[in-house]
Amino acid sequence: RVAVKEMRACRDRIWEAVQVEVKWTKDVVEKLAAAGETGGARP
């Protein structure tokens, strides 16, 4: 949930700054969630 929320925030920031639409696969969310297993949301 944190990974999806942060990816949506990233998508919005990038669109606002440079008008590039960011898309991602479910695997990216899983990889991000795995990065957070040892340190929570900050990683």
ModelCIF file with pLDDT and N, C-alpha, C, O atoms, coordinates in Angstrom:
data_MODEL
#
_entry.id   MODEL 
#
_entity.id                         1 
_entity.type                       polymer 
_entity.pdbx_number_of_molecules   1 
#
_entity_poly.entity_id                      1 
_entity_poly.type                           'polypeptide(L)' 
_entity_poly.nstd_linkage                   no 
_entity_poly.nstd_monomer                   no 
_entity_poly.pdbx_seq_one_letter_code       RVAVKEMRACRDRIWEAVQVEVKWTKDVVEKLAAAGETGGARP 
_entity_poly.pdbx_seq_one_letter_code_can   RVAVKEMRACRDRIWEAVQVEVKWTKDVVEKLAAAGETGGARP 
_entity_poly.pdbx_strand_id                 A 
#
loop_
_entity_poly_seq.entity_id 
_entity_poly_seq.num 
_entity_poly_seq.mon_id 
_entity_poly_seq.hetero 
1 1  ARG n 
1 2  VAL n 
1 3  ALA n 
1 4  VAL n 
1 5  LYS n 
1 6  GLU n 
1 7  MET n 
1 8  ARG n 
1 9  ALA n 
1 10 CYS n 
1 11 ARG n 
1 12 ASP n 
1 13 ARG n 
1 14 ILE n 
1 15 TRP n 
1 16 GLU n 
1 17 ALA n 
1 18 VAL n 
1 19 GLN n 
1 20 VAL n 
1 21 GLU n 
1 22 VAL n 
1 23 LYS n 
1 24 TRP n 
1 25 THR n 
1 26 LYS n 
1 27 ASP n 
1 28 VAL n 
1 29 VAL n 
1 30 GLU n 
1 31 LYS n 
1 32 LEU n 
1 33 ALA n 
1 34 ALA n 
1 35 ALA n 
1 36 GLY n 
1 37 GLU n 
1 38 THR n 
1 39 GLY n 
1 40 GLY n 
1 41 ALA n 
1 42 ARG n 
1 43 PRO n 
#
_struct_asym.id          A 
_struct_asym.entity_id   1 
#
loop_
_ma_qa_metric.id 
_ma_qa_metric.mode 
_ma_qa_metric.name 
_ma_qa_metric.software_group_id 
_ma_qa_metric.type 
1 global pLDDT . pLDDT 
2 local  pLDDT . pLDDT 
#
_ma_qa_metric_global.metric_id      1 
_ma_qa_metric_global.metric_value   95.33 
_ma_qa_metric_global.model_id       1 
_ma_qa_metric_global.ordinal_id     1 
#
loop_
_ma_qa_metric_local.label_asym_id 
_ma_qa_metric_local.label_comp_id 
_ma_qa_metric_local.label_seq_id 
_ma_qa_metric_local.metric_id 
_ma_qa_metric_local.metric_value 
_ma_qa_metric_local.model_id 
_ma_qa_metric_local.ordinal_id 
A ARG 1  2 97.00 1 1  
A VAL 2  2 97.00 1 2  
A ALA 3  2 97.00 1 3  
A VAL 4  2 98.00 1 4  
A LYS 5  2 97.00 1 5  
A GLU 6  2 97.00 1 6  
A MET 7  2 98.00 1 7  
A ARG 8  2 98.00 1 8  
A ALA 9  2 98.00 1 9  
A CYS 10 2 97.00 1 10 
A ARG 11 2 97.00 1 11 
A ASP 12 2 98.00 1 12 
A ARG 13 2 97.00 1 13 
A ILE 14 2 96.00 1 14 
A TRP 15 2 96.00 1 15 
A GLU 16 2 96.00 1 16 
A ALA 17 2 94.00 1 17 
A VAL 18 2 93.00 1 18 
A GLN 19 2 93.00 1 19 
A VAL 20 2 95.00 1 20 
A GLU 21 2 96.00 1 21 
A VAL 22 2 97.00 1 22 
A LYS 23 2 97.00 1 23 
A TRP 24 2 97.00 1 24 
A THR 25 2 97.00 1 25 
A LYS 26 2 97.00 1 26 
A ASP 27 2 97.00 1 27 
A VAL 28 2 98.00 1 28 
A VAL 29 2 97.00 1 29 
A GLU 30 2 97.00 1 30 
A LYS 31 2 97.00 1 31 
A LEU 32 2 97.00 1 32 
A ALA 33 2 96.00 1 33 
A ALA 34 2 95.00 1 34 
A ALA 35 2 94.00 1 35 
A GLY 36 2 92.00 1 36 
A GLU 37 2 90.00 1 37 
A THR 38 2 87.00 1 38 
A GLY 39 2 87.00 1 39 
A GLY 40 2 87.00 1 40 
A ALA 41 2 90.00 1 41 
A ARG 42 2 93.00 1 42 
A PRO 43 2 95.00 1 43 
#
loop_
_atom_site.group_PDB 
_atom_site.id 
_atom_site.type_symbol 
_atom_site.label_atom_id 
_atom_site.label_alt_id 
_atom_site.label_comp_id 
_atom_site.label_asym_id 
_atom_site.label_entity_id 
_atom_site.label_seq_id 
_atom_site.pdbx_PDB_ins_code 
_atom_site.Cartn_x 
_atom_site.Cartn_y 
_atom_site.Cartn_z 
_atom_site.occupancy 
_atom_site.B_iso_or_equiv 
_atom_site.pdbx_formal_charge 
_atom_site.auth_seq_id 
_atom_site.auth_comp_id 
_atom_site.auth_asym_id 
_atom_site.auth_atom_id 
_atom_site.pdbx_PDB_model_num 
ATOM 1   N N  . ARG A 1 1  ? 0.828  -1.207 0.000   1.00 97.00 ? 1  ARG A N  1 
ATOM 2   C CA . ARG A 1 1  ? 0.000  0.000  0.000   1.00 97.00 ? 1  ARG A CA 1 
ATOM 3   C C  . ARG A 1 1  ? 0.862  1.258  0.000   1.00 97.00 ? 1  ARG A C  1 
ATOM 4   O O  . ARG A 1 1  ? 0.578  2.216  -0.718  1.00 97.00 ? 1  ARG A O  1 
ATOM 5   N N  . VAL A 1 2  ? 1.912  1.245  0.808   1.00 97.00 ? 2  VAL A N  1 
ATOM 6   C CA . VAL A 1 2  ? 2.835  2.381  0.852   1.00 97.00 ? 2  VAL A CA 1 
ATOM 7   C C  . VAL A 1 2  ? 3.497  2.551  -0.510  1.00 97.00 ? 2  VAL A C  1 
ATOM 8   O O  . VAL A 1 2  ? 3.614  3.671  -1.007  1.00 97.00 ? 2  VAL A O  1 
ATOM 9   N N  . ALA A 1 3  ? 3.931  1.443  -1.118  1.00 97.00 ? 3  ALA A N  1 
ATOM 10  C CA . ALA A 1 3  ? 4.591  1.508  -2.423  1.00 97.00 ? 3  ALA A CA 1 
ATOM 11  C C  . ALA A 1 3  ? 3.663  2.105  -3.478  1.00 97.00 ? 3  ALA A C  1 
ATOM 12  O O  . ALA A 1 3  ? 4.088  2.951  -4.265  1.00 97.00 ? 3  ALA A O  1 
ATOM 13  N N  . VAL A 1 4  ? 2.419  1.681  -3.503  1.00 98.00 ? 4  VAL A N  1 
ATOM 14  C CA . VAL A 1 4  ? 1.460  2.214  -4.485  1.00 98.00 ? 4  VAL A CA 1 
ATOM 15  C C  . VAL A 1 4  ? 1.207  3.694  -4.219  1.00 98.00 ? 4  VAL A C  1 
ATOM 16  O O  . VAL A 1 4  ? 1.185  4.504  -5.145  1.00 98.00 ? 4  VAL A O  1 
ATOM 17  N N  . LYS A 1 5  ? 1.018  4.039  -2.950  1.00 97.00 ? 5  LYS A N  1 
ATOM 18  C CA . LYS A 1 5  ? 0.770  5.447  -2.600  1.00 97.00 ? 5  LYS A CA 1 
ATOM 19  C C  . LYS A 1 5  ? 1.951  6.321  -3.027  1.00 97.00 ? 5  LYS A C  1 
ATOM 20  O O  . LYS A 1 5  ? 1.752  7.391  -3.602  1.00 97.00 ? 5  LYS A O  1 
ATOM 21  N N  . GLU A 1 6  ? 3.160  5.878  -2.755  1.00 97.00 ? 6  GLU A N  1 
ATOM 22  C CA . GLU A 1 6  ? 4.342  6.662  -3.106  1.00 97.00 ? 6  GLU A CA 1 
ATOM 23  C C  . GLU A 1 6  ? 4.560  6.704  -4.617  1.00 97.00 ? 6  GLU A C  1 
ATOM 24  O O  . GLU A 1 6  ? 5.026  7.717  -5.139  1.00 97.00 ? 6  GLU A O  1 
ATOM 25  N N  . MET A 1 7  ? 4.233  5.629  -5.328  1.00 98.00 ? 7  MET A N  1 
ATOM 26  C CA . MET A 1 7  ? 4.346  5.638  -6.789  1.00 98.00 ? 7  MET A CA 1 
ATOM 27  C C  . MET A 1 7  ? 3.338  6.623  -7.390  1.00 98.00 ? 7  MET A C  1 
ATOM 28  O O  . MET A 1 7  ? 3.652  7.318  -8.357  1.00 98.00 ? 7  MET A O  1 
ATOM 29  N N  . ARG A 1 8  ? 2.151  6.682  -6.832  1.00 98.00 ? 8  ARG A N  1 
ATOM 30  C CA . ARG A 1 8  ? 1.159  7.657  -7.316  1.00 98.00 ? 8  ARG A CA 1 
ATOM 31  C C  . ARG A 1 8  ? 1.631  9.084  -7.077  1.00 98.00 ? 8  ARG A C  1 
ATOM 32  O O  . ARG A 1 8  ? 1.452  9.955  -7.928  1.00 98.00 ? 8  ARG A O  1 
ATOM 33  N N  . ALA A 1 9  ? 2.234  9.320  -5.917  1.00 98.00 ? 9  ALA A N  1 
ATOM 34  C CA . ALA A 1 9  ? 2.772  10.648 -5.620  1.00 98.00 ? 9  ALA A CA 1 
ATOM 35  C C  . ALA A 1 9  ? 3.912  10.975 -6.584  1.00 98.00 ? 9  ALA A C  1 
ATOM 36  O O  . ALA A 1 9  ? 4.019  12.108 -7.053  1.00 98.00 ? 9  ALA A O  1 
ATOM 37  N N  . CYS A 1 10 ? 4.753  10.005 -6.878  1.00 97.00 ? 10 CYS A N  1 
ATOM 38  C CA . CYS A 1 10 ? 5.844  10.175 -7.842  1.00 97.00 ? 10 CYS A CA 1 
ATOM 39  C C  . CYS A 1 10 ? 5.283  10.503 -9.219  1.00 97.00 ? 10 CYS A C  1 
ATOM 40  O O  . CYS A 1 10 ? 5.756  11.422 -9.887  1.00 97.00 ? 10 CYS A O  1 
ATOM 41  N N  . ARG A 1 11 ? 4.274  9.749  -9.639  1.00 97.00 ? 11 ARG A N  1 
ATOM 42  C CA . ARG A 1 11 ? 3.632  9.982  -10.932 1.00 97.00 ? 11 ARG A CA 1 
ATOM 43  C C  . ARG A 1 11 ? 3.118  11.420 -11.023 1.00 97.00 ? 11 ARG A C  1 
ATOM 44  O O  . ARG A 1 11 ? 3.304  12.090 -12.039 1.00 97.00 ? 11 ARG A O  1 
ATOM 45  N N  . ASP A 1 12 ? 2.475  11.885 -9.960  1.00 98.00 ? 12 ASP A N  1 
ATOM 46  C CA . ASP A 1 12 ? 1.926  13.240 -9.955  1.00 98.00 ? 12 ASP A CA 1 
ATOM 47  C C  . ASP A 1 12 ? 3.026  14.301 -9.997  1.00 98.00 ? 12 ASP A C  1 
ATOM 48  O O  . ASP A 1 12 ? 2.896  15.301 -10.703 1.00 98.00 ? 12 ASP A O  1 
ATOM 49  N N  . ARG A 1 13 ? 4.107  14.086 -9.244  1.00 97.00 ? 13 ARG A N  1 
ATOM 50  C CA . ARG A 1 13 ? 5.224  15.035 -9.237  1.00 97.00 ? 13 ARG A CA 1 
ATOM 51  C C  . ARG A 1 13 ? 5.869  15.132 -10.612 1.00 97.00 ? 13 ARG A C  1 
ATOM 52  O O  . ARG A 1 13 ? 6.150  16.226 -11.102 1.00 97.00 ? 13 ARG A O  1 
ATOM 53  N N  . ILE A 1 14 ? 6.100  13.984 -11.225 1.00 96.00 ? 14 ILE A N  1 
ATOM 54  C CA . ILE A 1 14 ? 6.754  13.976 -12.538 1.00 96.00 ? 14 ILE A CA 1 
ATOM 55  C C  . ILE A 1 14 ? 5.854  14.623 -13.580 1.00 96.00 ? 14 ILE A C  1 
ATOM 56  O O  . ILE A 1 14 ? 6.324  15.392 -14.419 1.00 96.00 ? 14 ILE A O  1 
ATOM 57  N N  . TRP A 1 15 ? 4.576  14.319 -13.532 1.00 96.00 ? 15 TRP A N  1 
ATOM 58  C CA . TRP A 1 15 ? 3.657  14.941 -14.502 1.00 96.00 ? 15 TRP A CA 1 
ATOM 59  C C  . TRP A 1 15 ? 3.659  16.456 -14.333 1.00 96.00 ? 15 TRP A C  1 
ATOM 60  O O  . TRP A 1 15 ? 3.722  17.200 -15.311 1.00 96.00 ? 15 TRP A O  1 
ATOM 61  N N  . GLU A 1 16 ? 3.589  16.898 -13.098 1.00 96.00 ? 16 GLU A N  1 
ATOM 62  C CA . GLU A 1 16 ? 3.573  18.334 -12.807 1.00 96.00 ? 16 GLU A CA 1 
ATOM 63  C C  . GLU A 1 16 ? 4.852  19.015 -13.302 1.00 96.00 ? 16 GLU A C  1 
ATOM 64  O O  . GLU A 1 16 ? 4.803  20.129 -13.825 1.00 96.00 ? 16 GLU A O  1 
ATOM 65  N N  . ALA A 1 17 ? 5.984  18.351 -13.136 1.00 94.00 ? 17 ALA A N  1 
ATOM 66  C CA . ALA A 1 17 ? 7.267  18.964 -13.466 1.00 94.00 ? 17 ALA A CA 1 
ATOM 67  C C  . ALA A 1 17 ? 7.599  18.911 -14.961 1.00 94.00 ? 17 ALA A C  1 
ATOM 68  O O  . ALA A 1 17 ? 8.038  19.909 -15.532 1.00 94.00 ? 17 ALA A O  1 
ATOM 69  N N  . VAL A 1 18 ? 7.393  17.755 -15.597 1.00 93.00 ? 18 VAL A N  1 
ATOM 70  C CA . VAL A 1 18 ? 7.884  17.597 -16.972 1.00 93.00 ? 18 VAL A CA 1 
ATOM 71  C C  . VAL A 1 18 ? 6.865  16.985 -17.932 1.00 93.00 ? 18 VAL A C  1 
ATOM 72  O O  . VAL A 1 18 ? 7.212  16.656 -19.067 1.00 93.00 ? 18 VAL A O  1 
ATOM 73  N N  . GLN A 1 19 ? 5.628  16.828 -17.500 1.00 93.00 ? 19 GLN A N  1 
ATOM 74  C CA . GLN A 1 19 ? 4.547  16.294 -18.327 1.00 93.00 ? 19 GLN A CA 1 
ATOM 75  C C  . GLN A 1 19 ? 4.908  14.942 -18.948 1.00 93.00 ? 19 GLN A C  1 
ATOM 76  O O  . GLN A 1 19 ? 4.684  14.706 -20.135 1.00 93.00 ? 19 GLN A O  1 
ATOM 77  N N  . VAL A 1 20 ? 5.467  14.071 -18.123 1.00 95.00 ? 20 VAL A N  1 
ATOM 78  C CA . VAL A 1 20 ? 5.713  12.685 -18.517 1.00 95.00 ? 20 VAL A CA 1 
ATOM 79  C C  . VAL A 1 20 ? 4.787  11.814 -17.679 1.00 95.00 ? 20 VAL A C  1 
ATOM 80  O O  . VAL A 1 20 ? 4.756  11.921 -16.453 1.00 95.00 ? 20 VAL A O  1 
ATOM 81  N N  . GLU A 1 21 ? 4.036  10.954 -18.353 1.00 96.00 ? 21 GLU A N  1 
ATOM 82  C CA . GLU A 1 21 ? 3.126  10.042 -17.671 1.00 96.00 ? 21 GLU A CA 1 
ATOM 83  C C  . GLU A 1 21 ? 3.918  8.821  -17.213 1.00 96.00 ? 21 GLU A C  1 
ATOM 84  O O  . GLU A 1 21 ? 4.577  8.166  -18.021 1.00 96.00 ? 21 GLU A O  1 
ATOM 85  N N  . VAL A 1 22 ? 3.854  8.518  -15.932 1.00 97.00 ? 22 VAL A N  1 
ATOM 86  C CA . VAL A 1 22 ? 4.576  7.371  -15.383 1.00 97.00 ? 22 VAL A CA 1 
ATOM 87  C C  . VAL A 1 22 ? 3.602  6.223  -15.178 1.00 97.00 ? 22 VAL A C  1 
ATOM 88  O O  . VAL A 1 22 ? 2.542  6.383  -14.571 1.00 97.00 ? 22 VAL A O  1 
ATOM 89  N N  . LYS A 1 23 ? 3.985  5.062  -15.697 1.00 97.00 ? 23 LYS A N  1 
ATOM 90  C CA . LYS A 1 23 ? 3.220  3.829  -15.516 1.00 97.00 ? 23 LYS A CA 1 
ATOM 91  C C  . LYS A 1 23 ? 4.150  2.804  -14.892 1.00 97.00 ? 23 LYS A C  1 
ATOM 92  O O  . LYS A 1 23 ? 5.370  2.925  -14.994 1.00 97.00 ? 23 LYS A O  1 
ATOM 93  N N  . TRP A 1 24 ? 3.582  1.796  -14.247 1.00 97.00 ? 24 TRP A N  1 
ATOM 94  C CA . TRP A 1 24 ? 4.400  0.758  -13.640 1.00 97.00 ? 24 TRP A CA 1 
ATOM 95  C C  . TRP A 1 24 ? 3.647  -0.556 -13.611 1.00 97.00 ? 24 TRP A C  1 
ATOM 96  O O  . TRP A 1 24 ? 2.420  -0.596 -13.698 1.00 97.00 ? 24 TRP A O  1 
ATOM 97  N N  . THR A 1 25 ? 4.411  -1.629 -13.487 1.00 97.00 ? 25 THR A N  1 
ATOM 98  C CA . THR A 1 25 ? 3.834  -2.969 -13.412 1.00 97.00 ? 25 THR A CA 1 
ATOM 99  C C  . THR A 1 25 ? 3.697  -3.382 -11.949 1.00 97.00 ? 25 THR A C  1 
ATOM 100 O O  . THR A 1 25 ? 4.252  -2.740 -11.057 1.00 97.00 ? 25 THR A O  1 
ATOM 101 N N  . LYS A 1 26 ? 2.960  -4.451 -11.717 1.00 97.00 ? 26 LYS A N  1 
ATOM 102 C CA . LYS A 1 26 ? 2.799  -4.970 -10.357 1.00 97.00 ? 26 LYS A CA 1 
ATOM 103 C C  . LYS A 1 26 ? 4.132  -5.437 -9.785  1.00 97.00 ? 26 LYS A C  1 
ATOM 104 O O  . LYS A 1 26 ? 4.357  -5.364 -8.577  1.00 97.00 ? 26 LYS A O  1 
ATOM 105 N N  . ASP A 1 27 ? 5.007  -5.914 -10.656 1.00 97.00 ? 27 ASP A N  1 
ATOM 106 C CA . ASP A 1 27 ? 6.321  -6.364 -10.202 1.00 97.00 ? 27 ASP A CA 1 
ATOM 107 C C  . ASP A 1 27 ? 7.113  -5.228 -9.558  1.00 97.00 ? 27 ASP A C  1 
ATOM 108 O O  . ASP A 1 27 ? 7.876  -5.458 -8.620  1.00 97.00 ? 27 ASP A O  1 
ATOM 109 N N  . VAL A 1 28 ? 6.937  -4.016 -10.051 1.00 98.00 ? 28 VAL A N  1 
ATOM 110 C CA . VAL A 1 28 ? 7.636  -2.860 -9.483  1.00 98.00 ? 28 VAL A CA 1 
ATOM 111 C C  . VAL A 1 28 ? 7.149  -2.625 -8.050  1.00 98.00 ? 28 VAL A C  1 
ATOM 112 O O  . VAL A 1 28 ? 7.949  -2.359 -7.153  1.00 98.00 ? 28 VAL A O  1 
ATOM 113 N N  . VAL A 1 29 ? 5.855  -2.721 -7.846  1.00 97.00 ? 29 VAL A N  1 
ATOM 114 C CA . VAL A 1 29 ? 5.291  -2.547 -6.499  1.00 97.00 ? 29 VAL A CA 1 
ATOM 115 C C  . VAL A 1 29 ? 5.843  -3.621 -5.565  1.00 97.00 ? 29 VAL A C  1 
ATOM 116 O O  . VAL A 1 29 ? 6.192  -3.327 -4.422  1.00 97.00 ? 29 VAL A O  1 
ATOM 117 N N  . GLU A 1 30 ? 5.925  -4.858 -6.041  1.00 97.00 ? 30 GLU A N  1 
ATOM 118 C CA . GLU A 1 30 ? 6.461  -5.944 -5.225  1.00 97.00 ? 30 GLU A CA 1 
ATOM 119 C C  . GLU A 1 30 ? 7.933  -5.703 -4.880  1.00 97.00 ? 30 GLU A C  1 
ATOM 120 O O  . GLU A 1 30 ? 8.357  -5.947 -3.750  1.00 97.00 ? 30 GLU A O  1 
ATOM 121 N N  . LYS A 1 31 ? 8.695  -5.231 -5.842  1.00 97.00 ? 31 LYS A N  1 
ATOM 122 C CA . LYS A 1 31 ? 10.115 -4.948 -5.623  1.00 97.00 ? 31 LYS A CA 1 
ATOM 123 C C  . LYS A 1 31 ? 10.274 -3.819 -4.601  1.00 97.00 ? 31 LYS A C  1 
ATOM 124 O O  . LYS A 1 31 ? 11.139 -3.885 -3.728  1.00 97.00 ? 31 LYS A O  1 
ATOM 125 N N  . LEU A 1 32 ? 9.447  -2.795 -4.713  1.00 97.00 ? 32 LEU A N  1 
ATOM 126 C CA . LEU A 1 32 ? 9.485  -1.686 -3.749  1.00 97.00 ? 32 LEU A CA 1 
ATOM 127 C C  . LEU A 1 32 ? 9.092  -2.158 -2.359  1.00 97.00 ? 32 LEU A C  1 
ATOM 128 O O  . LEU A 1 32 ? 9.726  -1.786 -1.372  1.00 97.00 ? 32 LEU A O  1 
ATOM 129 N N  . ALA A 1 33 ? 8.052  -2.974 -2.275  1.00 96.00 ? 33 ALA A N  1 
ATOM 130 C CA . ALA A 1 33 ? 7.617  -3.497 -0.976  1.00 96.00 ? 33 ALA A CA 1 
ATOM 131 C C  . ALA A 1 33 ? 8.727  -4.330 -0.343  1.00 96.00 ? 33 ALA A C  1 
ATOM 132 O O  . ALA A 1 33 ? 8.937  -4.268 0.869   1.00 96.00 ? 33 ALA A O  1 
ATOM 133 N N  . ALA A 1 34 ? 9.432  -5.102 -1.147  1.00 95.00 ? 34 ALA A N  1 
ATOM 134 C CA . ALA A 1 34 ? 10.546 -5.902 -0.635  1.00 95.00 ? 34 ALA A CA 1 
ATOM 135 C C  . ALA A 1 34 ? 11.658 -5.005 -0.103  1.00 95.00 ? 34 ALA A C  1 
ATOM 136 O O  . ALA A 1 34 ? 12.315 -5.346 0.880   1.00 95.00 ? 34 ALA A O  1 
ATOM 137 N N  . ALA A 1 35 ? 11.870 -3.861 -0.748  1.00 94.00 ? 35 ALA A N  1 
ATOM 138 C CA . ALA A 1 35 ? 12.892 -2.907 -0.282  1.00 94.00 ? 35 ALA A CA 1 
ATOM 139 C C  . ALA A 1 35 ? 12.518 -2.347 1.086   1.00 94.00 ? 35 ALA A C  1 
ATOM 140 O O  . ALA A 1 35 ? 13.397 -1.963 1.858   1.00 94.00 ? 35 ALA A O  1 
ATOM 141 N N  . GLY A 1 36 ? 11.229 -2.297 1.389   1.00 92.00 ? 36 GLY A N  1 
ATOM 142 C CA . GLY A 1 36 ? 10.774 -1.748 2.658   1.00 92.00 ? 36 GLY A CA 1 
ATOM 143 C C  . GLY A 1 36 ? 10.723 -2.748 3.793   1.00 92.00 ? 36 GLY A C  1 
ATOM 144 O O  . GLY A 1 36 ? 10.421 -2.380 4.928   1.00 92.00 ? 36 GLY A O  1 
ATOM 145 N N  . GLU A 1 37 ? 11.017 -4.022 3.503   1.00 90.00 ? 37 GLU A N  1 
ATOM 146 C CA . GLU A 1 37 ? 10.916 -5.044 4.549   1.00 90.00 ? 37 GLU A CA 1 
ATOM 147 C C  . GLU A 1 37 ? 11.872 -4.815 5.706   1.00 90.00 ? 37 GLU A C  1 
ATOM 148 O O  . GLU A 1 37 ? 11.562 -5.175 6.841   1.00 90.00 ? 37 GLU A O  1 
ATOM 149 N N  . THR A 1 38 ? 13.019 -4.228 5.443   1.00 87.00 ? 38 THR A N  1 
ATOM 150 C CA . THR A 1 38 ? 13.992 -4.045 6.519   1.00 87.00 ? 38 THR A CA 1 
ATOM 151 C C  . THR A 1 38 ? 13.955 -2.664 7.139   1.00 87.00 ? 38 THR A C  1 
ATOM 152 O O  . THR A 1 38 ? 14.467 -2.476 8.242   1.00 87.00 ? 38 THR A O  1 
ATOM 153 N N  . GLY A 1 39 ? 13.358 -1.684 6.457   1.00 87.00 ? 39 GLY A N  1 
ATOM 154 C CA . GLY A 1 39 ? 13.401 -0.336 7.003   1.00 87.00 ? 39 GLY A CA 1 
ATOM 155 C C  . GLY A 1 39 ? 12.103 0.421  6.947   1.00 87.00 ? 39 GLY A C  1 
ATOM 156 O O  . GLY A 1 39 ? 12.067 1.602  7.292   1.00 87.00 ? 39 GLY A O  1 
ATOM 157 N N  . GLY A 1 40 ? 11.035 -0.219 6.524   1.00 87.00 ? 40 GLY A N  1 
ATOM 158 C CA . GLY A 1 40 ? 9.753  0.463  6.467   1.00 87.00 ? 40 GLY A CA 1 
ATOM 159 C C  . GLY A 1 40 ? 9.574  1.298  5.215   1.00 87.00 ? 40 GLY A C  1 
ATOM 160 O O  . GLY A 1 40 ? 10.042 0.927  4.139   1.00 87.00 ? 40 GLY A O  1 
ATOM 161 N N  . ALA A 1 41 ? 8.900  2.419  5.357   1.00 90.00 ? 41 ALA A N  1 
ATOM 162 C CA . ALA A 1 41 ? 8.519  3.240  4.209   1.00 90.00 ? 41 ALA A CA 1 
ATOM 163 C C  . ALA A 1 41 ? 9.668  4.060  3.638   1.00 90.00 ? 41 ALA A C  1 
ATOM 164 O O  . ALA A 1 41 ? 9.675  4.347  2.441   1.00 90.00 ? 41 ALA A O  1 
ATOM 165 N N  . ARG A 1 42 ? 10.623 4.438  4.449   1.00 93.00 ? 42 ARG A N  1 
ATOM 166 C CA . ARG A 1 42 ? 11.702 5.306  3.949   1.00 93.00 ? 42 ARG A CA 1 
ATOM 167 C C  . ARG A 1 42 ? 12.499 4.676  2.812   1.00 93.00 ? 42 ARG A C  1 
ATOM 168 O O  . ARG A 1 42 ? 12.769 5.356  1.823   1.00 93.00 ? 42 ARG A O  1 
ATOM 169 N N  . PRO A 1 43 ? 12.888 3.401  2.912   1.00 95.00 ? 43 PRO A N  1 
ATOM 170 C CA . PRO A 1 43 ? 13.602 2.801  1.783   1.00 95.00 ? 43 PRO A CA 1 
ATOM 171 C C  . PRO A 1 43 ? 12.766 2.753  0.500   1.00 95.00 ? 43 PRO A C  1 
ATOM 172 O O  . PRO A 1 43 ? 13.241 2.274  -0.529  1.00 95.00 ? 43 PRO A O  1 
#
